[in-house]
Amino acid sequence: MPKDSPEGEKNLARVHELVARIAELPYPPVWVGEGGQAFIDGGELLVRAPDLLPPHQRASLMDEVATIRLAREGAVPLLRSWLLLFVPMADVSAEDAECAKAVTPDGHVIVAGVPKRVPVPVGELTPEDVSDGDLVEFLDHVEDGSEDYGVEDTPETMARLRFT
């Protein structure tokens, strides 16, 4: 998209609005136990006992907490690239295997791994940085706060989180 695209300008204005609202959000709560009788601040859980969350929830919570922290500093996590991984072909779904283009002689395939996001001050963003709408979509998700996080209320969990 050209640098002066109306879509980029519209998205840039939306990013500024979202960052201001996200900066006011608390860190997401992590519920303890099925009934959700107690909860801990997500930022605190990541410091005290991040391993209590399953990996996919931990990664999502880390993204949300980092985005809220950056918003409070007037910045956003801008996607710059994807870290690529070499995965054994046997570990790739049949659907993904059909699309595999780069298979190594030892049977590994390149797959997109973790997105690499870099902090960028909101004032330094350009319409071109946000023209594809991905950042707006990501920030909308963080602002929505629709992700639920929870850990089991085992005696070990309760002790580690000092719920007694």
N, C-alpha and C. Protein backbone atom coordinates (compact mmCIF):
# COMPACT_ATOMS: atom_id res chain seq x y z
N MET A 1 0.83 -1.17 0.00
CA MET A 1 0.00 0.00 0.00
C MET A 1 0.88 1.24 0.00
N PRO A 2 0.49 2.27 -0.73
CA PRO A 2 1.29 3.49 -0.74
C PRO A 2 1.33 4.12 0.66
N LYS A 3 2.40 4.88 0.90
CA LYS A 3 2.59 5.49 2.21
C LYS A 3 1.45 6.42 2.60
N ASP A 4 0.84 7.08 1.63
CA ASP A 4 -0.21 8.05 1.94
C ASP A 4 -1.61 7.49 1.75
N SER A 5 -1.77 6.17 1.95
CA SER A 5 -3.07 5.55 1.74
C SER A 5 -4.05 5.97 2.82
N PRO A 6 -5.32 6.20 2.43
CA PRO A 6 -6.34 6.56 3.43
C PRO A 6 -6.52 5.45 4.48
N GLU A 7 -6.37 4.19 4.08
CA GLU A 7 -6.51 3.07 5.02
C GLU A 7 -5.42 3.13 6.09
N GLY A 8 -4.19 3.45 5.67
CA GLY A 8 -3.10 3.57 6.62
C GLY A 8 -3.33 4.70 7.61
N GLU A 9 -3.81 5.83 7.13
CA GLU A 9 -4.11 6.97 8.01
C GLU A 9 -5.22 6.61 8.99
N LYS A 10 -6.26 5.94 8.50
CA LYS A 10 -7.37 5.52 9.36
C LYS A 10 -6.88 4.54 10.42
N ASN A 11 -6.06 3.57 10.02
CA ASN A 11 -5.53 2.60 10.98
C ASN A 11 -4.62 3.26 12.01
N LEU A 12 -3.84 4.24 11.57
CA LEU A 12 -2.94 4.93 12.49
C LEU A 12 -3.74 5.66 13.57
N ALA A 13 -4.81 6.31 13.17
CA ALA A 13 -5.67 7.00 14.14
C ALA A 13 -6.28 5.98 15.10
N ARG A 14 -6.69 4.85 14.57
CA ARG A 14 -7.28 3.78 15.41
C ARG A 14 -6.25 3.25 16.40
N VAL A 15 -5.00 3.06 15.97
CA VAL A 15 -3.93 2.59 16.86
C VAL A 15 -3.75 3.57 18.02
N HIS A 16 -3.74 4.86 17.73
CA HIS A 16 -3.60 5.86 18.79
C HIS A 16 -4.74 5.74 19.81
N GLU A 17 -5.98 5.55 19.33
CA GLU A 17 -7.13 5.39 20.22
C GLU A 17 -6.98 4.14 21.08
N LEU A 18 -6.63 3.03 20.43
CA LEU A 18 -6.51 1.76 21.14
C LEU A 18 -5.41 1.79 22.20
N VAL A 19 -4.28 2.37 21.86
CA VAL A 19 -3.17 2.44 22.81
C VAL A 19 -3.57 3.23 24.05
N ALA A 20 -4.29 4.34 23.86
CA ALA A 20 -4.73 5.13 25.01
C ALA A 20 -5.66 4.32 25.91
N ARG A 21 -6.55 3.52 25.32
CA ARG A 21 -7.48 2.71 26.12
C ARG A 21 -6.76 1.52 26.76
N ILE A 22 -5.87 0.87 26.02
CA ILE A 22 -5.15 -0.29 26.55
C ILE A 22 -4.26 0.12 27.72
N ALA A 23 -3.69 1.31 27.65
CA ALA A 23 -2.81 1.79 28.72
C ALA A 23 -3.54 1.89 30.06
N GLU A 24 -4.85 2.00 30.03
CA GLU A 24 -5.66 2.10 31.25
C GLU A 24 -6.11 0.75 31.78
N LEU A 25 -5.88 -0.31 31.01
CA LEU A 25 -6.34 -1.64 31.42
C LEU A 25 -5.46 -2.23 32.52
N PRO A 26 -6.07 -3.00 33.42
CA PRO A 26 -5.25 -3.80 34.35
C PRO A 26 -4.72 -5.01 33.58
N TYR A 27 -3.72 -5.67 34.13
CA TYR A 27 -3.27 -6.91 33.52
C TYR A 27 -4.40 -7.93 33.65
N PRO A 28 -4.51 -8.86 32.69
CA PRO A 28 -5.59 -9.84 32.75
C PRO A 28 -5.51 -10.69 34.02
N PRO A 29 -6.68 -11.03 34.58
CA PRO A 29 -6.68 -11.92 35.75
C PRO A 29 -6.47 -13.37 35.33
N VAL A 30 -5.87 -14.13 36.21
CA VAL A 30 -5.74 -15.57 36.03
C VAL A 30 -6.53 -16.20 37.17
N TRP A 31 -7.57 -16.94 36.80
CA TRP A 31 -8.43 -17.56 37.79
C TRP A 31 -7.76 -18.79 38.37
N VAL A 32 -7.97 -19.00 39.64
CA VAL A 32 -7.40 -20.15 40.33
C VAL A 32 -8.55 -21.09 40.67
N GLY A 33 -8.52 -22.30 40.13
CA GLY A 33 -9.57 -23.29 40.38
C GLY A 33 -10.71 -23.18 39.39
N GLU A 34 -11.48 -24.25 39.30
CA GLU A 34 -12.58 -24.30 38.34
C GLU A 34 -13.66 -23.29 38.65
N GLY A 35 -13.95 -23.08 39.90
CA GLY A 35 -14.99 -22.13 40.28
C GLY A 35 -14.55 -20.69 40.20
N GLY A 36 -13.26 -20.47 39.99
CA GLY A 36 -12.75 -19.11 39.91
C GLY A 36 -12.96 -18.33 41.20
N GLN A 37 -12.78 -19.01 42.33
CA GLN A 37 -13.00 -18.38 43.63
C GLN A 37 -11.93 -17.33 43.95
N ALA A 38 -10.77 -17.49 43.38
CA ALA A 38 -9.68 -16.54 43.61
C ALA A 38 -9.00 -16.26 42.28
N PHE A 39 -8.34 -15.15 42.21
CA PHE A 39 -7.57 -14.87 41.00
C PHE A 39 -6.32 -14.10 41.36
N ILE A 40 -5.39 -14.14 40.42
CA ILE A 40 -4.13 -13.42 40.59
C ILE A 40 -3.92 -12.57 39.34
N ASP A 41 -3.33 -11.42 39.52
CA ASP A 41 -2.98 -10.53 38.41
C ASP A 41 -2.06 -11.28 37.45
N GLY A 42 -2.37 -11.24 36.15
CA GLY A 42 -1.58 -11.97 35.16
C GLY A 42 -0.12 -11.57 35.13
N GLY A 43 0.16 -10.30 35.32
CA GLY A 43 1.55 -9.85 35.34
C GLY A 43 2.30 -10.44 36.52
N GLU A 44 1.61 -10.51 37.66
CA GLU A 44 2.22 -11.09 38.85
C GLU A 44 2.47 -12.58 38.68
N LEU A 45 1.50 -13.28 38.08
CA LEU A 45 1.67 -14.72 37.86
C LEU A 45 2.88 -14.98 36.97
N LEU A 46 3.06 -14.16 35.93
CA LEU A 46 4.20 -14.37 35.03
C LEU A 46 5.54 -14.19 35.74
N VAL A 47 5.56 -13.39 36.79
CA VAL A 47 6.79 -13.20 37.57
C VAL A 47 6.96 -14.33 38.58
N ARG A 48 5.89 -14.68 39.27
CA ARG A 48 5.98 -15.63 40.38
C ARG A 48 5.97 -17.10 39.97
N ALA A 49 5.12 -17.46 38.99
CA ALA A 49 4.97 -18.88 38.67
C ALA A 49 4.44 -19.08 37.25
N PRO A 50 5.16 -18.62 36.23
CA PRO A 50 4.64 -18.73 34.86
C PRO A 50 4.42 -20.17 34.40
N ASP A 51 5.16 -21.10 34.97
CA ASP A 51 5.05 -22.50 34.55
C ASP A 51 3.73 -23.14 34.97
N LEU A 52 2.92 -22.47 35.78
CA LEU A 52 1.62 -23.02 36.16
C LEU A 52 0.64 -23.01 34.99
N LEU A 53 0.85 -22.14 34.03
CA LEU A 53 -0.02 -22.07 32.86
C LEU A 53 0.45 -23.02 31.77
N PRO A 54 -0.48 -23.60 31.01
CA PRO A 54 -0.07 -24.37 29.84
C PRO A 54 0.66 -23.45 28.85
N PRO A 55 1.59 -23.97 28.04
CA PRO A 55 2.39 -23.13 27.15
C PRO A 55 1.58 -22.18 26.26
N HIS A 56 0.47 -22.64 25.69
CA HIS A 56 -0.30 -21.75 24.80
C HIS A 56 -0.93 -20.60 25.58
N GLN A 57 -1.41 -20.86 26.80
CA GLN A 57 -1.97 -19.79 27.61
C GLN A 57 -0.88 -18.83 28.09
N ARG A 58 0.27 -19.39 28.46
CA ARG A 58 1.39 -18.56 28.92
C ARG A 58 1.82 -17.61 27.81
N ALA A 59 1.95 -18.11 26.58
CA ALA A 59 2.36 -17.26 25.46
C ALA A 59 1.35 -16.15 25.20
N SER A 60 0.07 -16.49 25.25
CA SER A 60 -0.97 -15.50 25.02
C SER A 60 -0.98 -14.44 26.13
N LEU A 61 -0.86 -14.90 27.38
CA LEU A 61 -0.82 -13.95 28.51
C LEU A 61 0.41 -13.05 28.42
N MET A 62 1.53 -13.62 28.05
CA MET A 62 2.75 -12.81 27.89
C MET A 62 2.54 -11.73 26.85
N ASP A 63 1.89 -12.06 25.73
CA ASP A 63 1.60 -11.07 24.69
C ASP A 63 0.71 -9.95 25.23
N GLU A 64 -0.34 -10.33 25.95
CA GLU A 64 -1.26 -9.32 26.48
C GLU A 64 -0.58 -8.41 27.51
N VAL A 65 0.14 -9.02 28.44
CA VAL A 65 0.82 -8.23 29.47
C VAL A 65 1.85 -7.29 28.84
N ALA A 66 2.63 -7.81 27.90
CA ALA A 66 3.65 -6.98 27.24
C ALA A 66 3.00 -5.83 26.47
N THR A 67 1.87 -6.09 25.82
CA THR A 67 1.19 -5.05 25.06
C THR A 67 0.64 -3.97 25.98
N ILE A 68 0.06 -4.37 27.11
CA ILE A 68 -0.44 -3.38 28.08
C ILE A 68 0.72 -2.56 28.64
N ARG A 69 1.81 -3.24 28.98
CA ARG A 69 2.99 -2.52 29.50
C ARG A 69 3.52 -1.52 28.48
N LEU A 70 3.63 -1.95 27.22
CA LEU A 70 4.11 -1.04 26.18
C LEU A 70 3.16 0.13 25.98
N ALA A 71 1.85 -0.14 26.01
CA ALA A 71 0.87 0.94 25.84
C ALA A 71 1.03 1.98 26.95
N ARG A 72 1.31 1.52 28.15
CA ARG A 72 1.53 2.45 29.27
C ARG A 72 2.76 3.32 29.04
N GLU A 73 3.69 2.80 28.23
CA GLU A 73 4.91 3.55 27.88
C GLU A 73 4.74 4.32 26.57
N GLY A 74 3.55 4.23 25.96
CA GLY A 74 3.29 4.94 24.71
C GLY A 74 3.86 4.25 23.48
N ALA A 75 3.96 2.92 23.53
CA ALA A 75 4.53 2.17 22.41
C ALA A 75 3.62 0.98 22.08
N VAL A 76 3.92 0.33 20.97
CA VAL A 76 3.20 -0.86 20.53
C VAL A 76 4.19 -1.93 20.09
N PRO A 77 3.76 -3.20 20.16
CA PRO A 77 4.62 -4.28 19.65
C PRO A 77 4.35 -4.47 18.16
N LEU A 78 5.22 -3.95 17.33
CA LEU A 78 5.02 -4.00 15.88
C LEU A 78 5.67 -5.26 15.32
N LEU A 79 4.89 -6.01 14.56
CA LEU A 79 5.39 -7.24 13.94
C LEU A 79 6.40 -6.87 12.86
N ARG A 80 7.61 -7.37 13.00
CA ARG A 80 8.67 -7.10 12.02
C ARG A 80 8.99 -8.32 11.18
N SER A 81 8.86 -9.51 11.78
CA SER A 81 9.19 -10.73 11.04
C SER A 81 8.67 -11.93 11.82
N TRP A 82 8.80 -13.08 11.21
CA TRP A 82 8.47 -14.34 11.87
C TRP A 82 9.75 -15.14 12.03
N LEU A 83 9.94 -15.72 13.19
CA LEU A 83 11.06 -16.62 13.39
C LEU A 83 10.68 -17.95 12.73
N LEU A 84 11.51 -18.43 11.85
CA LEU A 84 11.22 -19.67 11.15
C LEU A 84 11.83 -20.85 11.89
N LEU A 85 11.13 -21.95 11.84
CA LEU A 85 11.58 -23.16 12.52
C LEU A 85 11.72 -24.30 11.52
N PHE A 86 12.67 -25.20 11.77
CA PHE A 86 12.77 -26.44 11.00
C PHE A 86 12.13 -27.53 11.84
N VAL A 87 11.09 -28.15 11.31
CA VAL A 87 10.33 -29.16 12.04
C VAL A 87 10.37 -30.46 11.26
N PRO A 88 10.50 -31.60 11.94
CA PRO A 88 10.45 -32.88 11.22
C PRO A 88 9.13 -33.00 10.47
N MET A 89 9.19 -33.45 9.23
CA MET A 89 8.00 -33.58 8.39
C MET A 89 6.93 -34.42 9.08
N ALA A 90 7.33 -35.39 9.87
CA ALA A 90 6.37 -36.25 10.57
C ALA A 90 5.53 -35.47 11.58
N ASP A 91 6.02 -34.32 12.04
CA ASP A 91 5.31 -33.51 13.04
C ASP A 91 4.39 -32.47 12.42
N VAL A 92 4.36 -32.41 11.09
CA VAL A 92 3.56 -31.42 10.39
C VAL A 92 2.24 -32.07 9.98
N SER A 93 1.14 -31.31 10.09
CA SER A 93 -0.16 -31.85 9.70
C SER A 93 -0.17 -32.20 8.22
N ALA A 94 -1.05 -33.11 7.83
CA ALA A 94 -1.14 -33.53 6.42
C ALA A 94 -1.46 -32.33 5.53
N GLU A 95 -2.33 -31.45 6.01
CA GLU A 95 -2.70 -30.26 5.23
C GLU A 95 -1.48 -29.36 5.01
N ASP A 96 -0.71 -29.12 6.07
CA ASP A 96 0.49 -28.29 5.96
C ASP A 96 1.57 -28.97 5.13
N ALA A 97 1.66 -30.29 5.22
CA ALA A 97 2.68 -31.03 4.46
C ALA A 97 2.45 -30.87 2.96
N GLU A 98 1.19 -30.77 2.54
CA GLU A 98 0.89 -30.58 1.12
C GLU A 98 1.43 -29.26 0.60
N CYS A 99 1.51 -28.26 1.49
CA CYS A 99 1.99 -26.93 1.10
C CYS A 99 3.49 -26.77 1.27
N ALA A 100 4.14 -27.75 1.85
CA ALA A 100 5.57 -27.64 2.15
C ALA A 100 6.37 -27.49 0.86
N LYS A 101 7.16 -26.45 0.81
CA LYS A 101 7.98 -26.17 -0.38
C LYS A 101 9.45 -26.46 -0.14
N ALA A 102 9.90 -26.23 1.09
CA ALA A 102 11.32 -26.37 1.39
C ALA A 102 11.52 -27.52 2.38
N VAL A 103 11.80 -28.70 1.86
CA VAL A 103 12.06 -29.85 2.70
C VAL A 103 13.55 -30.15 2.63
N THR A 104 14.17 -30.28 3.80
CA THR A 104 15.61 -30.55 3.84
C THR A 104 15.87 -32.03 3.54
N PRO A 105 17.10 -32.38 3.16
CA PRO A 105 17.42 -33.79 2.87
C PRO A 105 17.14 -34.73 4.04
N ASP A 106 17.20 -34.21 5.29
CA ASP A 106 16.93 -35.07 6.44
C ASP A 106 15.45 -35.07 6.86
N GLY A 107 14.57 -34.53 6.00
CA GLY A 107 13.13 -34.62 6.23
C GLY A 107 12.51 -33.55 7.10
N HIS A 108 13.16 -32.40 7.22
CA HIS A 108 12.60 -31.28 7.98
C HIS A 108 11.98 -30.28 7.01
N VAL A 109 10.99 -29.55 7.50
CA VAL A 109 10.32 -28.55 6.69
C VAL A 109 10.34 -27.22 7.44
N ILE A 110 10.39 -26.13 6.71
CA ILE A 110 10.38 -24.80 7.32
C ILE A 110 8.94 -24.41 7.60
N VAL A 111 8.68 -23.99 8.84
CA VAL A 111 7.36 -23.49 9.22
C VAL A 111 7.51 -22.16 9.94
N ALA A 112 6.46 -21.34 9.85
CA ALA A 112 6.48 -20.08 10.59
C ALA A 112 6.38 -20.41 12.07
N GLY A 113 7.23 -19.81 12.85
CA GLY A 113 7.23 -20.06 14.28
C GLY A 113 6.61 -18.92 15.04
N VAL A 114 7.39 -18.26 15.83
CA VAL A 114 6.92 -17.20 16.71
C VAL A 114 7.06 -15.85 16.00
N PRO A 115 6.02 -15.00 16.11
CA PRO A 115 6.17 -13.67 15.52
C PRO A 115 7.19 -12.86 16.30
N LYS A 116 8.02 -12.12 15.57
CA LYS A 116 9.01 -11.25 16.22
C LYS A 116 8.46 -9.83 16.21
N ARG A 117 8.11 -9.37 17.39
CA ARG A 117 7.56 -8.03 17.53
C ARG A 117 8.60 -7.13 18.20
N VAL A 118 8.70 -5.91 17.74
CA VAL A 118 9.64 -4.96 18.33
C VAL A 118 8.85 -3.77 18.86
N PRO A 119 9.25 -3.24 20.01
CA PRO A 119 8.55 -2.07 20.55
C PRO A 119 8.82 -0.83 19.70
N VAL A 120 7.75 -0.14 19.33
CA VAL A 120 7.88 1.09 18.55
C VAL A 120 7.00 2.16 19.21
N PRO A 121 7.57 3.32 19.55
CA PRO A 121 6.75 4.40 20.11
C PRO A 121 5.64 4.77 19.12
N VAL A 122 4.45 5.00 19.65
CA VAL A 122 3.29 5.31 18.80
C VAL A 122 3.58 6.52 17.93
N GLY A 123 4.27 7.50 18.45
CA GLY A 123 4.57 8.71 17.68
C GLY A 123 5.50 8.47 16.50
N GLU A 124 6.19 7.34 16.49
CA GLU A 124 7.09 7.02 15.37
C GLU A 124 6.45 6.13 14.32
N LEU A 125 5.21 5.66 14.56
CA LEU A 125 4.53 4.82 13.58
C LEU A 125 4.17 5.65 12.35
N THR A 126 4.19 5.00 11.22
CA THR A 126 3.77 5.64 9.97
C THR A 126 2.52 4.93 9.45
N PRO A 127 1.77 5.57 8.57
CA PRO A 127 0.61 4.89 7.97
C PRO A 127 1.01 3.58 7.29
N GLU A 128 2.21 3.55 6.73
CA GLU A 128 2.68 2.33 6.08
C GLU A 128 2.86 1.19 7.09
N ASP A 129 3.28 1.50 8.32
CA ASP A 129 3.46 0.48 9.35
C ASP A 129 2.16 -0.23 9.70
N VAL A 130 1.04 0.46 9.54
CA VAL A 130 -0.25 -0.09 9.99
C VAL A 130 -1.25 -0.27 8.85
N SER A 131 -0.82 -0.10 7.64
CA SER A 131 -1.75 -0.11 6.50
C SER A 131 -2.44 -1.45 6.28
N ASP A 132 -1.81 -2.57 6.69
CA ASP A 132 -2.43 -3.88 6.45
C ASP A 132 -3.48 -4.23 7.50
N GLY A 133 -3.58 -3.46 8.58
CA GLY A 133 -4.60 -3.67 9.59
C GLY A 133 -4.26 -4.72 10.63
N ASP A 134 -3.13 -5.41 10.50
CA ASP A 134 -2.78 -6.46 11.46
C ASP A 134 -2.60 -5.93 12.88
N LEU A 135 -1.94 -4.79 13.02
CA LEU A 135 -1.72 -4.23 14.36
C LEU A 135 -3.04 -3.81 14.98
N VAL A 136 -3.93 -3.22 14.20
CA VAL A 136 -5.24 -2.83 14.72
C VAL A 136 -5.99 -4.07 15.21
N GLU A 137 -5.96 -5.13 14.43
CA GLU A 137 -6.63 -6.37 14.81
C GLU A 137 -6.04 -6.93 16.11
N PHE A 138 -4.72 -6.93 16.21
CA PHE A 138 -4.04 -7.42 17.41
C PHE A 138 -4.42 -6.58 18.63
N LEU A 139 -4.38 -5.25 18.49
CA LEU A 139 -4.71 -4.37 19.61
C LEU A 139 -6.19 -4.48 19.99
N ASP A 140 -7.06 -4.66 19.00
CA ASP A 140 -8.49 -4.87 19.29
C ASP A 140 -8.66 -6.10 20.18
N HIS A 141 -7.92 -7.16 19.86
CA HIS A 141 -7.99 -8.39 20.65
C HIS A 141 -7.53 -8.15 22.08
N VAL A 142 -6.45 -7.42 22.26
CA VAL A 142 -5.95 -7.14 23.61
C VAL A 142 -6.95 -6.27 24.37
N GLU A 143 -7.50 -5.27 23.70
CA GLU A 143 -8.46 -4.39 24.38
C GLU A 143 -9.71 -5.16 24.78
N ASP A 144 -10.14 -6.08 23.92
CA ASP A 144 -11.34 -6.88 24.17
C ASP A 144 -11.18 -7.72 25.43
N GLY A 145 -9.97 -8.22 25.67
CA GLY A 145 -9.71 -9.01 26.86
C GLY A 145 -10.54 -10.28 26.95
N SER A 146 -10.84 -10.88 25.81
CA SER A 146 -11.74 -12.03 25.79
C SER A 146 -11.07 -13.35 26.16
N GLU A 147 -9.78 -13.33 26.34
CA GLU A 147 -9.05 -14.56 26.69
C GLU A 147 -9.25 -14.87 28.17
N ASP A 148 -9.56 -16.13 28.47
CA ASP A 148 -9.67 -16.57 29.86
C ASP A 148 -8.44 -17.38 30.23
N TYR A 149 -7.86 -17.08 31.38
CA TYR A 149 -6.69 -17.79 31.86
C TYR A 149 -7.03 -18.43 33.20
N GLY A 150 -6.54 -19.64 33.41
CA GLY A 150 -6.82 -20.29 34.68
C GLY A 150 -5.78 -21.35 35.01
N VAL A 151 -5.61 -21.56 36.30
CA VAL A 151 -4.72 -22.60 36.80
C VAL A 151 -5.50 -23.45 37.80
N GLU A 152 -5.07 -24.68 37.99
CA GLU A 152 -5.71 -25.58 38.95
C GLU A 152 -5.43 -25.09 40.37
N ASP A 153 -6.36 -25.40 41.27
CA ASP A 153 -6.16 -24.98 42.66
C ASP A 153 -5.64 -26.13 43.52
N THR A 154 -4.53 -26.69 43.08
CA THR A 154 -3.88 -27.75 43.85
C THR A 154 -3.18 -27.13 45.07
N PRO A 155 -2.88 -27.94 46.06
CA PRO A 155 -2.15 -27.40 47.22
C PRO A 155 -0.82 -26.75 46.81
N GLU A 156 -0.12 -27.36 45.84
CA GLU A 156 1.14 -26.78 45.37
C GLU A 156 0.90 -25.40 44.76
N THR A 157 -0.11 -25.29 43.91
CA THR A 157 -0.43 -24.00 43.28
C THR A 157 -0.77 -22.97 44.34
N MET A 158 -1.63 -23.35 45.26
CA MET A 158 -2.05 -22.42 46.30
C MET A 158 -0.85 -21.94 47.13
N ALA A 159 0.07 -22.86 47.44
CA ALA A 159 1.26 -22.49 48.21
C ALA A 159 2.16 -21.56 47.40
N ARG A 160 2.37 -21.90 46.13
CA ARG A 160 3.26 -21.09 45.29
C ARG A 160 2.70 -19.69 45.09
N LEU A 161 1.39 -19.58 45.04
CA LEU A 161 0.76 -18.27 44.84
C LEU A 161 0.40 -17.61 46.18
N ARG A 162 0.72 -18.32 47.25
CA ARG A 162 0.50 -17.84 48.63
C ARG A 162 -0.98 -17.62 48.93
N PHE A 163 -1.84 -18.48 48.35
CA PHE A 163 -3.26 -18.49 48.71
C PHE A 163 -3.41 -19.54 49.81
N THR A 164 -3.54 -19.14 51.01
CA THR A 164 -3.70 -20.12 52.09
C THR A 164 -4.84 -19.74 52.99
